[in-house]
Amino acid sequence: MTSHTHGLRTWLLQRLSGIYLAVYLVYVIAAAMQHGRYSYAEWHAWLVHPVMSIATAGFILAMLAHGWVGMRDVILDYVHVLSVRLLLLILVGLTLVASGLWALRVLLLAAG
């Protein structure tokens, strides 16, 4: 694999995840504005609907991928000491994995 191909893939991942994040947020905001005030039961029922749960899980995955590519690129571009760069990449990766697991737990508990 060449670095050119790798750069194209990360660029595409960043753009596609950004589009998904924008579409999801526009949908959620429009749905909330159209409906007006939600009770907790209505909000919960809407969120645990299978289509919405899958869309929300996709949103979480897209946000994690988008965050990883963005933070990785910033760290690689601006941190020049190899040991500090590696430490920061590990910390960002662990933070994103922990955040993803926490979000998955929240979705599963809401559905259960």
N, C-alpha and C. Protein backbone atom coordinates (compact mmCIF):
# COMPACT_ATOMS: atom_id res chain seq x y z
N MET A 1 0.85 -1.17 0.00
CA MET A 1 0.00 0.00 0.00
C MET A 1 0.89 1.23 0.00
N THR A 2 0.60 2.13 -0.89
CA THR A 2 1.39 3.36 -0.95
C THR A 2 0.80 4.40 -0.02
N SER A 3 1.62 5.38 0.34
CA SER A 3 1.12 6.44 1.22
C SER A 3 0.07 7.28 0.50
N HIS A 4 0.16 7.34 -0.84
CA HIS A 4 -0.84 8.08 -1.61
C HIS A 4 -2.23 7.45 -1.44
N THR A 5 -2.30 6.14 -1.55
CA THR A 5 -3.57 5.44 -1.38
C THR A 5 -4.07 5.58 0.04
N HIS A 6 -3.17 5.49 1.01
CA HIS A 6 -3.55 5.62 2.41
C HIS A 6 -4.12 7.01 2.67
N GLY A 7 -3.51 8.03 2.12
CA GLY A 7 -4.00 9.39 2.29
C GLY A 7 -5.35 9.60 1.66
N LEU A 8 -5.58 8.97 0.52
CA LEU A 8 -6.87 9.08 -0.15
C LEU A 8 -7.96 8.41 0.68
N ARG A 9 -7.65 7.26 1.26
CA ARG A 9 -8.64 6.57 2.07
C ARG A 9 -9.02 7.37 3.32
N THR A 10 -8.02 7.93 3.99
CA THR A 10 -8.33 8.72 5.19
C THR A 10 -9.08 9.99 4.81
N TRP A 11 -8.72 10.60 3.69
CA TRP A 11 -9.43 11.79 3.23
C TRP A 11 -10.90 11.45 2.95
N LEU A 12 -11.13 10.32 2.27
CA LEU A 12 -12.48 9.89 1.95
C LEU A 12 -13.25 9.55 3.22
N LEU A 13 -12.62 8.85 4.15
CA LEU A 13 -13.27 8.52 5.42
C LEU A 13 -13.67 9.78 6.17
N GLN A 14 -12.80 10.77 6.20
CA GLN A 14 -13.09 12.03 6.88
C GLN A 14 -14.29 12.73 6.23
N ARG A 15 -14.35 12.76 4.91
CA ARG A 15 -15.44 13.44 4.21
C ARG A 15 -16.75 12.70 4.35
N LEU A 16 -16.73 11.38 4.18
CA LEU A 16 -17.97 10.60 4.29
C LEU A 16 -18.52 10.61 5.71
N SER A 17 -17.64 10.50 6.70
CA SER A 17 -18.13 10.55 8.08
C SER A 17 -18.68 11.94 8.40
N GLY A 18 -18.05 12.97 7.88
CA GLY A 18 -18.55 14.33 8.09
C GLY A 18 -19.93 14.53 7.47
N ILE A 19 -20.14 13.97 6.29
CA ILE A 19 -21.45 14.06 5.64
C ILE A 19 -22.50 13.32 6.46
N TYR A 20 -22.17 12.12 6.93
CA TYR A 20 -23.12 11.36 7.74
C TYR A 20 -23.46 12.10 9.02
N LEU A 21 -22.46 12.67 9.68
CA LEU A 21 -22.70 13.42 10.91
C LEU A 21 -23.63 14.60 10.63
N ALA A 22 -23.40 15.32 9.55
CA ALA A 22 -24.24 16.48 9.22
C ALA A 22 -25.67 16.06 8.91
N VAL A 23 -25.84 15.02 8.12
CA VAL A 23 -27.19 14.56 7.76
C VAL A 23 -27.94 14.08 9.00
N TYR A 24 -27.28 13.32 9.84
CA TYR A 24 -27.92 12.83 11.08
C TYR A 24 -28.34 14.00 11.96
N LEU A 25 -27.46 14.96 12.17
CA LEU A 25 -27.78 16.09 13.04
C LEU A 25 -28.91 16.93 12.47
N VAL A 26 -28.91 17.16 11.16
CA VAL A 26 -30.00 17.91 10.54
C VAL A 26 -31.32 17.17 10.73
N TYR A 27 -31.31 15.86 10.54
CA TYR A 27 -32.53 15.06 10.74
C TYR A 27 -33.03 15.14 12.18
N VAL A 28 -32.14 14.95 13.13
CA VAL A 28 -32.54 14.96 14.54
C VAL A 28 -33.07 16.34 14.94
N ILE A 29 -32.40 17.39 14.52
CA ILE A 29 -32.86 18.74 14.85
C ILE A 29 -34.20 19.04 14.19
N ALA A 30 -34.35 18.65 12.92
CA ALA A 30 -35.62 18.88 12.22
C ALA A 30 -36.75 18.09 12.87
N ALA A 31 -36.49 16.85 13.24
CA ALA A 31 -37.52 16.03 13.88
C ALA A 31 -37.91 16.62 15.24
N ALA A 32 -36.93 17.09 15.99
CA ALA A 32 -37.23 17.69 17.29
C ALA A 32 -38.01 18.99 17.14
N MET A 33 -37.65 19.79 16.15
CA MET A 33 -38.37 21.06 15.94
C MET A 33 -39.79 20.82 15.41
N GLN A 34 -39.96 19.81 14.58
CA GLN A 34 -41.27 19.53 14.02
C GLN A 34 -42.22 19.01 15.10
N HIS A 35 -41.72 18.17 15.97
CA HIS A 35 -42.57 17.56 16.98
C HIS A 35 -42.89 18.52 18.12
N GLY A 36 -41.97 19.37 18.44
CA GLY A 36 -42.18 20.26 19.59
C GLY A 36 -41.61 19.65 20.85
N ARG A 37 -42.39 19.70 21.91
CA ARG A 37 -41.90 19.18 23.20
C ARG A 37 -42.14 17.68 23.28
N TYR A 38 -41.09 16.97 23.63
CA TYR A 38 -41.17 15.53 23.83
C TYR A 38 -41.30 15.25 25.32
N SER A 39 -42.11 14.27 25.66
CA SER A 39 -42.05 13.75 27.01
C SER A 39 -40.90 12.74 27.04
N TYR A 40 -40.49 12.34 28.22
CA TYR A 40 -39.41 11.37 28.31
C TYR A 40 -39.79 10.07 27.61
N ALA A 41 -41.03 9.63 27.79
CA ALA A 41 -41.47 8.37 27.18
C ALA A 41 -41.46 8.46 25.65
N GLU A 42 -41.88 9.60 25.10
CA GLU A 42 -41.85 9.77 23.65
C GLU A 42 -40.42 9.80 23.11
N TRP A 43 -39.57 10.53 23.80
CA TRP A 43 -38.17 10.63 23.38
C TRP A 43 -37.50 9.25 23.44
N HIS A 44 -37.76 8.52 24.52
CA HIS A 44 -37.19 7.18 24.68
C HIS A 44 -37.70 6.24 23.59
N ALA A 45 -39.00 6.28 23.32
CA ALA A 45 -39.57 5.41 22.29
C ALA A 45 -38.99 5.74 20.92
N TRP A 46 -38.79 7.01 20.64
CA TRP A 46 -38.20 7.42 19.35
C TRP A 46 -36.76 6.95 19.25
N LEU A 47 -36.00 7.08 20.33
CA LEU A 47 -34.59 6.72 20.31
C LEU A 47 -34.37 5.22 20.22
N VAL A 48 -35.22 4.42 20.85
CA VAL A 48 -35.01 2.97 20.84
C VAL A 48 -35.67 2.28 19.65
N HIS A 49 -36.35 3.03 18.80
CA HIS A 49 -36.88 2.44 17.57
C HIS A 49 -35.70 1.86 16.80
N PRO A 50 -35.84 0.66 16.24
CA PRO A 50 -34.68 0.00 15.60
C PRO A 50 -33.97 0.86 14.54
N VAL A 51 -34.71 1.56 13.71
CA VAL A 51 -34.08 2.38 12.67
C VAL A 51 -33.28 3.51 13.31
N MET A 52 -33.86 4.14 14.32
CA MET A 52 -33.16 5.25 14.98
C MET A 52 -31.96 4.74 15.78
N SER A 53 -32.07 3.57 16.39
CA SER A 53 -30.94 3.00 17.12
C SER A 53 -29.78 2.70 16.19
N ILE A 54 -30.09 2.15 15.02
CA ILE A 54 -29.04 1.85 14.04
C ILE A 54 -28.42 3.15 13.53
N ALA A 55 -29.25 4.15 13.25
CA ALA A 55 -28.74 5.44 12.78
C ALA A 55 -27.87 6.10 13.85
N THR A 56 -28.27 5.97 15.11
CA THR A 56 -27.49 6.55 16.20
C THR A 56 -26.17 5.81 16.38
N ALA A 57 -26.20 4.49 16.26
CA ALA A 57 -24.96 3.72 16.33
C ALA A 57 -24.03 4.11 15.18
N GLY A 58 -24.60 4.31 14.00
CA GLY A 58 -23.80 4.78 12.87
C GLY A 58 -23.22 6.16 13.12
N PHE A 59 -24.00 7.02 13.76
CA PHE A 59 -23.53 8.36 14.13
C PHE A 59 -22.34 8.26 15.07
N ILE A 60 -22.44 7.39 16.05
CA ILE A 60 -21.35 7.23 17.02
C ILE A 60 -20.09 6.71 16.32
N LEU A 61 -20.24 5.71 15.47
CA LEU A 61 -19.09 5.18 14.74
C LEU A 61 -18.48 6.22 13.82
N ALA A 62 -19.34 6.98 13.13
CA ALA A 62 -18.84 8.04 12.24
C ALA A 62 -18.11 9.11 13.04
N MET A 63 -18.64 9.45 14.22
CA MET A 63 -17.99 10.46 15.04
C MET A 63 -16.62 9.98 15.54
N LEU A 64 -16.54 8.71 15.91
CA LEU A 64 -15.26 8.16 16.37
C LEU A 64 -14.25 8.12 15.23
N ALA A 65 -14.67 7.68 14.05
CA ALA A 65 -13.77 7.63 12.90
C ALA A 65 -13.32 9.03 12.50
N HIS A 66 -14.26 9.96 12.49
CA HIS A 66 -13.96 11.35 12.13
C HIS A 66 -12.98 11.96 13.13
N GLY A 67 -13.23 11.70 14.40
CA GLY A 67 -12.34 12.22 15.44
C GLY A 67 -10.95 11.62 15.36
N TRP A 68 -10.87 10.31 15.09
CA TRP A 68 -9.56 9.67 15.01
C TRP A 68 -8.74 10.23 13.85
N VAL A 69 -9.34 10.32 12.68
CA VAL A 69 -8.60 10.82 11.51
C VAL A 69 -8.15 12.26 11.75
N GLY A 70 -9.05 13.07 12.27
CA GLY A 70 -8.71 14.47 12.52
C GLY A 70 -7.60 14.64 13.54
N MET A 71 -7.74 13.97 14.67
CA MET A 71 -6.73 14.10 15.73
C MET A 71 -5.40 13.48 15.29
N ARG A 72 -5.46 12.36 14.60
CA ARG A 72 -4.24 11.72 14.12
C ARG A 72 -3.49 12.64 13.18
N ASP A 73 -4.21 13.27 12.26
CA ASP A 73 -3.55 14.17 11.31
C ASP A 73 -2.94 15.38 12.01
N VAL A 74 -3.65 15.94 12.98
CA VAL A 74 -3.11 17.09 13.73
C VAL A 74 -1.85 16.68 14.49
N ILE A 75 -1.90 15.53 15.16
CA ILE A 75 -0.74 15.07 15.94
C ILE A 75 0.44 14.79 15.00
N LEU A 76 0.19 14.10 13.90
CA LEU A 76 1.28 13.79 12.98
C LEU A 76 1.87 15.05 12.35
N ASP A 77 1.06 16.06 12.13
CA ASP A 77 1.54 17.29 11.51
C ASP A 77 2.30 18.19 12.48
N TYR A 78 1.89 18.24 13.74
CA TYR A 78 2.42 19.25 14.65
C TYR A 78 3.26 18.75 15.81
N VAL A 79 3.26 17.44 16.06
CA VAL A 79 4.10 16.89 17.13
C VAL A 79 5.26 16.17 16.47
N HIS A 80 6.46 16.69 16.68
CA HIS A 80 7.62 16.17 15.96
C HIS A 80 8.47 15.20 16.78
N VAL A 81 8.34 15.21 18.10
CA VAL A 81 9.09 14.27 18.94
C VAL A 81 8.35 12.93 18.90
N LEU A 82 9.05 11.89 18.44
CA LEU A 82 8.42 10.60 18.19
C LEU A 82 7.76 10.01 19.43
N SER A 83 8.43 10.07 20.58
CA SER A 83 7.86 9.48 21.79
C SER A 83 6.60 10.21 22.24
N VAL A 84 6.58 11.53 22.13
CA VAL A 84 5.40 12.32 22.50
C VAL A 84 4.27 12.05 21.50
N ARG A 85 4.63 11.94 20.23
CA ARG A 85 3.64 11.65 19.20
C ARG A 85 2.98 10.31 19.46
N LEU A 86 3.78 9.30 19.76
CA LEU A 86 3.24 7.97 20.04
C LEU A 86 2.36 7.98 21.28
N LEU A 87 2.79 8.65 22.33
CA LEU A 87 2.00 8.74 23.55
C LEU A 87 0.66 9.42 23.29
N LEU A 88 0.67 10.52 22.55
CA LEU A 88 -0.57 11.22 22.24
C LEU A 88 -1.50 10.37 21.37
N LEU A 89 -0.95 9.67 20.40
CA LEU A 89 -1.79 8.81 19.57
C LEU A 89 -2.43 7.69 20.39
N ILE A 90 -1.66 7.12 21.32
CA ILE A 90 -2.21 6.08 22.19
C ILE A 90 -3.30 6.65 23.08
N LEU A 91 -3.08 7.82 23.66
CA LEU A 91 -4.08 8.44 24.52
C LEU A 91 -5.36 8.78 23.76
N VAL A 92 -5.22 9.32 22.57
CA VAL A 92 -6.39 9.64 21.76
C VAL A 92 -7.14 8.35 21.40
N GLY A 93 -6.39 7.32 20.98
CA GLY A 93 -7.02 6.05 20.62
C GLY A 93 -7.76 5.43 21.79
N LEU A 94 -7.14 5.41 22.96
CA LEU A 94 -7.80 4.85 24.14
C LEU A 94 -9.03 5.65 24.53
N THR A 95 -8.93 6.97 24.43
CA THR A 95 -10.07 7.82 24.76
C THR A 95 -11.23 7.57 23.80
N LEU A 96 -10.94 7.43 22.52
CA LEU A 96 -11.99 7.17 21.55
C LEU A 96 -12.62 5.79 21.73
N VAL A 97 -11.80 4.79 22.02
CA VAL A 97 -12.33 3.45 22.27
C VAL A 97 -13.21 3.45 23.51
N ALA A 98 -12.75 4.08 24.59
CA ALA A 98 -13.54 4.15 25.82
C ALA A 98 -14.85 4.90 25.58
N SER A 99 -14.79 5.98 24.83
CA SER A 99 -16.00 6.75 24.52
C SER A 99 -16.98 5.92 23.69
N GLY A 100 -16.46 5.18 22.73
CA GLY A 100 -17.31 4.34 21.90
C GLY A 100 -17.97 3.23 22.70
N LEU A 101 -17.22 2.61 23.59
CA LEU A 101 -17.79 1.56 24.44
C LEU A 101 -18.85 2.13 25.38
N TRP A 102 -18.58 3.30 25.93
CA TRP A 102 -19.56 3.95 26.80
C TRP A 102 -20.84 4.27 26.04
N ALA A 103 -20.71 4.81 24.82
CA ALA A 103 -21.88 5.15 24.01
C ALA A 103 -22.66 3.89 23.63
N LEU A 104 -21.96 2.82 23.30
CA LEU A 104 -22.62 1.56 22.99
C LEU A 104 -23.39 1.05 24.20
N ARG A 105 -22.80 1.17 25.37
CA ARG A 105 -23.46 0.76 26.60
C ARG A 105 -24.74 1.55 26.83
N VAL A 106 -24.66 2.86 26.59
CA VAL A 106 -25.85 3.72 26.75
C VAL A 106 -26.95 3.28 25.79
N LEU A 107 -26.61 3.02 24.53
CA LEU A 107 -27.61 2.57 23.56
C LEU A 107 -28.22 1.23 23.96
N LEU A 108 -27.40 0.31 24.41
CA LEU A 108 -27.91 -1.01 24.80
C LEU A 108 -28.79 -0.92 26.05
N LEU A 109 -28.41 -0.09 27.01
CA LEU A 109 -29.23 0.07 28.21
C LEU A 109 -30.55 0.77 27.88
N ALA A 110 -30.52 1.71 26.95
CA ALA A 110 -31.76 2.40 26.57
C ALA A 110 -32.72 1.43 25.87
N ALA A 111 -32.16 0.53 25.08
CA ALA A 111 -33.00 -0.43 24.36
C ALA A 111 -33.51 -1.55 25.28
N GLY A 112 -32.80 -1.81 26.35
CA GLY A 112 -33.16 -2.91 27.25
C GLY A 112 -34.14 -2.51 28.24
